Amino acid sequence: MIVTELVSGVFTMALDQLIQTRYGAPGALALILIGVGVKARSASCASVGAVILVLLMTQA
């Protein structure tokens, strides 16, 4: 259980750093929106974050 949480935390931090270095502040905002949407079970919030992230990925 603790190993799973540790691996999940490391993966999340690595993904966050990758997105921030490649896409900057809008990428971080998109990840925050996705995270808040998942935790709050708000499909619209998570969808907005996913759309922002996809738009950033297609521009680069």
N, C-alpha and C. Protein backbone atom coordinates (compact mmCIF):
# COMPACT_ATOMS: atom_id res chain seq x y z
N MET A 1 0.83 -1.18 0.00
CA MET A 1 0.00 0.00 0.00
C MET A 1 0.88 1.25 0.00
N ILE A 2 1.88 1.28 0.84
CA ILE A 2 2.75 2.44 0.92
C ILE A 2 3.59 2.55 -0.35
N VAL A 3 4.02 1.42 -0.89
CA VAL A 3 4.81 1.43 -2.11
C VAL A 3 3.98 1.97 -3.27
N THR A 4 2.72 1.60 -3.34
CA THR A 4 1.84 2.10 -4.39
C THR A 4 1.68 3.61 -4.30
N GLU A 5 1.48 4.13 -3.11
CA GLU A 5 1.35 5.57 -2.92
C GLU A 5 2.64 6.29 -3.27
N LEU A 6 3.78 5.70 -2.91
CA LEU A 6 5.07 6.30 -3.22
C LEU A 6 5.30 6.36 -4.73
N VAL A 7 5.03 5.26 -5.42
CA VAL A 7 5.20 5.22 -6.87
C VAL A 7 4.24 6.20 -7.55
N SER A 8 3.02 6.27 -7.07
CA SER A 8 2.04 7.20 -7.62
C SER A 8 2.49 8.65 -7.42
N GLY A 9 3.01 8.96 -6.25
CA GLY A 9 3.49 10.31 -5.98
C GLY A 9 4.68 10.70 -6.85
N VAL A 10 5.61 9.77 -7.02
CA VAL A 10 6.78 10.04 -7.87
C VAL A 10 6.35 10.23 -9.32
N PHE A 11 5.44 9.39 -9.80
CA PHE A 11 4.95 9.51 -11.16
C PHE A 11 4.25 10.85 -11.37
N THR A 12 3.43 11.26 -10.41
CA THR A 12 2.71 12.52 -10.50
C THR A 12 3.68 13.70 -10.53
N MET A 13 4.68 13.68 -9.67
CA MET A 13 5.65 14.77 -9.64
C MET A 13 6.45 14.83 -10.92
N ALA A 14 6.83 13.69 -11.47
CA ALA A 14 7.60 13.66 -12.71
C ALA A 14 6.75 14.18 -13.88
N LEU A 15 5.49 13.78 -13.94
CA LEU A 15 4.61 14.26 -14.99
C LEU A 15 4.39 15.77 -14.87
N ASP A 16 4.22 16.25 -13.66
CA ASP A 16 4.04 17.69 -13.43
C ASP A 16 5.26 18.47 -13.89
N GLN A 17 6.46 18.00 -13.57
CA GLN A 17 7.68 18.69 -14.00
C GLN A 17 7.83 18.67 -15.51
N LEU A 18 7.50 17.55 -16.13
CA LEU A 18 7.58 17.45 -17.59
C LEU A 18 6.63 18.44 -18.26
N ILE A 19 5.41 18.50 -17.78
CA ILE A 19 4.42 19.41 -18.36
C ILE A 19 4.84 20.86 -18.14
N GLN A 20 5.32 21.19 -16.94
CA GLN A 20 5.71 22.57 -16.67
C GLN A 20 6.90 23.01 -17.50
N THR A 21 7.89 22.14 -17.69
CA THR A 21 9.05 22.55 -18.47
C THR A 21 8.73 22.64 -19.95
N ARG A 22 7.81 21.82 -20.42
CA ARG A 22 7.51 21.82 -21.85
C ARG A 22 6.42 22.82 -22.22
N TYR A 23 5.40 22.98 -21.39
CA TYR A 23 4.25 23.80 -21.75
C TYR A 23 4.04 25.01 -20.84
N GLY A 24 4.82 25.17 -19.80
CA GLY A 24 4.77 26.35 -18.95
C GLY A 24 3.55 26.41 -18.05
N ALA A 25 3.15 27.63 -17.73
CA ALA A 25 2.05 27.86 -16.80
C ALA A 25 0.70 27.31 -17.30
N PRO A 26 0.37 27.46 -18.58
CA PRO A 26 -0.90 26.88 -19.03
C PRO A 26 -0.96 25.36 -18.86
N GLY A 27 0.17 24.69 -19.01
CA GLY A 27 0.21 23.25 -18.79
C GLY A 27 -0.04 22.90 -17.33
N ALA A 28 0.54 23.69 -16.44
CA ALA A 28 0.31 23.47 -15.01
C ALA A 28 -1.15 23.72 -14.65
N LEU A 29 -1.73 24.76 -15.24
CA LEU A 29 -3.14 25.06 -15.00
C LEU A 29 -4.02 23.91 -15.49
N ALA A 30 -3.68 23.36 -16.65
CA ALA A 30 -4.46 22.23 -17.18
C ALA A 30 -4.39 21.03 -16.25
N LEU A 31 -3.19 20.73 -15.72
CA LEU A 31 -3.06 19.61 -14.79
C LEU A 31 -3.84 19.85 -13.50
N ILE A 32 -3.83 21.09 -13.02
CA ILE A 32 -4.59 21.42 -11.81
C ILE A 32 -6.08 21.23 -12.07
N LEU A 33 -6.56 21.70 -13.23
CA LEU A 33 -7.98 21.53 -13.55
C LEU A 33 -8.37 20.06 -13.66
N ILE A 34 -7.51 19.27 -14.26
CA ILE A 34 -7.80 17.83 -14.36
C ILE A 34 -7.83 17.21 -12.97
N GLY A 35 -6.87 17.55 -12.13
CA GLY A 35 -6.83 16.99 -10.77
C GLY A 35 -8.04 17.39 -9.94
N VAL A 36 -8.41 18.66 -10.01
CA VAL A 36 -9.58 19.14 -9.26
C VAL A 36 -10.84 18.49 -9.80
N GLY A 37 -10.93 18.36 -11.11
CA GLY A 37 -12.11 17.74 -11.70
C GLY A 37 -12.27 16.29 -11.30
N VAL A 38 -11.18 15.56 -11.23
CA VAL A 38 -11.24 14.16 -10.83
C VAL A 38 -11.62 14.04 -9.36
N LYS A 39 -10.99 14.86 -8.51
CA LYS A 39 -11.29 14.76 -7.08
C LYS A 39 -12.71 15.20 -6.75
N ALA A 40 -13.20 16.23 -7.45
CA ALA A 40 -14.54 16.73 -7.20
C ALA A 40 -15.60 15.98 -8.01
N ARG A 41 -15.15 15.04 -8.84
CA ARG A 41 -16.03 14.29 -9.73
C ARG A 41 -16.83 15.23 -10.63
N SER A 42 -16.13 16.24 -11.12
CA SER A 42 -16.73 17.21 -12.03
C SER A 42 -16.19 16.94 -13.43
N ALA A 43 -17.04 16.39 -14.26
CA ALA A 43 -16.61 16.05 -15.62
C ALA A 43 -16.28 17.30 -16.44
N SER A 44 -17.00 18.39 -16.21
CA SER A 44 -16.75 19.59 -16.99
C SER A 44 -15.39 20.20 -16.65
N CYS A 45 -15.03 20.21 -15.40
CA CYS A 45 -13.74 20.75 -14.98
C CYS A 45 -12.59 19.90 -15.52
N ALA A 46 -12.71 18.61 -15.42
CA ALA A 46 -11.68 17.72 -15.94
C ALA A 46 -11.60 17.81 -17.46
N SER A 47 -12.73 17.97 -18.12
CA SER A 47 -12.75 18.08 -19.57
C SER A 47 -12.08 19.36 -20.04
N VAL A 48 -12.32 20.46 -19.35
CA VAL A 48 -11.68 21.73 -19.71
C VAL A 48 -10.16 21.60 -19.57
N GLY A 49 -9.70 21.00 -18.50
CA GLY A 49 -8.27 20.79 -18.31
C GLY A 49 -7.68 19.90 -19.39
N ALA A 50 -8.40 18.85 -19.76
CA ALA A 50 -7.92 17.95 -20.81
C ALA A 50 -7.87 18.64 -22.16
N VAL A 51 -8.86 19.47 -22.45
CA VAL A 51 -8.88 20.19 -23.72
C VAL A 51 -7.72 21.18 -23.79
N ILE A 52 -7.46 21.89 -22.71
CA ILE A 52 -6.33 22.82 -22.67
C ILE A 52 -5.02 22.07 -22.90
N LEU A 53 -4.86 20.94 -22.23
CA LEU A 53 -3.64 20.15 -22.39
C LEU A 53 -3.48 19.63 -23.82
N VAL A 54 -4.54 19.18 -24.42
CA VAL A 54 -4.49 18.69 -25.80
C VAL A 54 -4.15 19.84 -26.76
N LEU A 55 -4.75 21.00 -26.54
CA LEU A 55 -4.43 22.15 -27.39
C LEU A 55 -2.97 22.55 -27.28
N LEU A 56 -2.43 22.50 -26.07
CA LEU A 56 -1.01 22.82 -25.90
C LEU A 56 -0.13 21.79 -26.59
N MET A 57 -0.52 20.53 -26.53
CA MET A 57 0.29 19.47 -27.14
C MET A 57 0.25 19.55 -28.66
N THR A 58 -0.86 19.95 -29.24
CA THR A 58 -0.95 20.01 -30.69
C THR A 58 -0.24 21.23 -31.26
N GLN A 59 -0.03 22.26 -30.48
CA GLN A 59 0.67 23.45 -30.95
C GLN A 59 2.17 23.26 -30.98
N ALA A 60 2.70 22.42 -30.12
CA ALA A 60 4.15 22.28 -30.00
C ALA A 60 4.76 21.45 -31.08
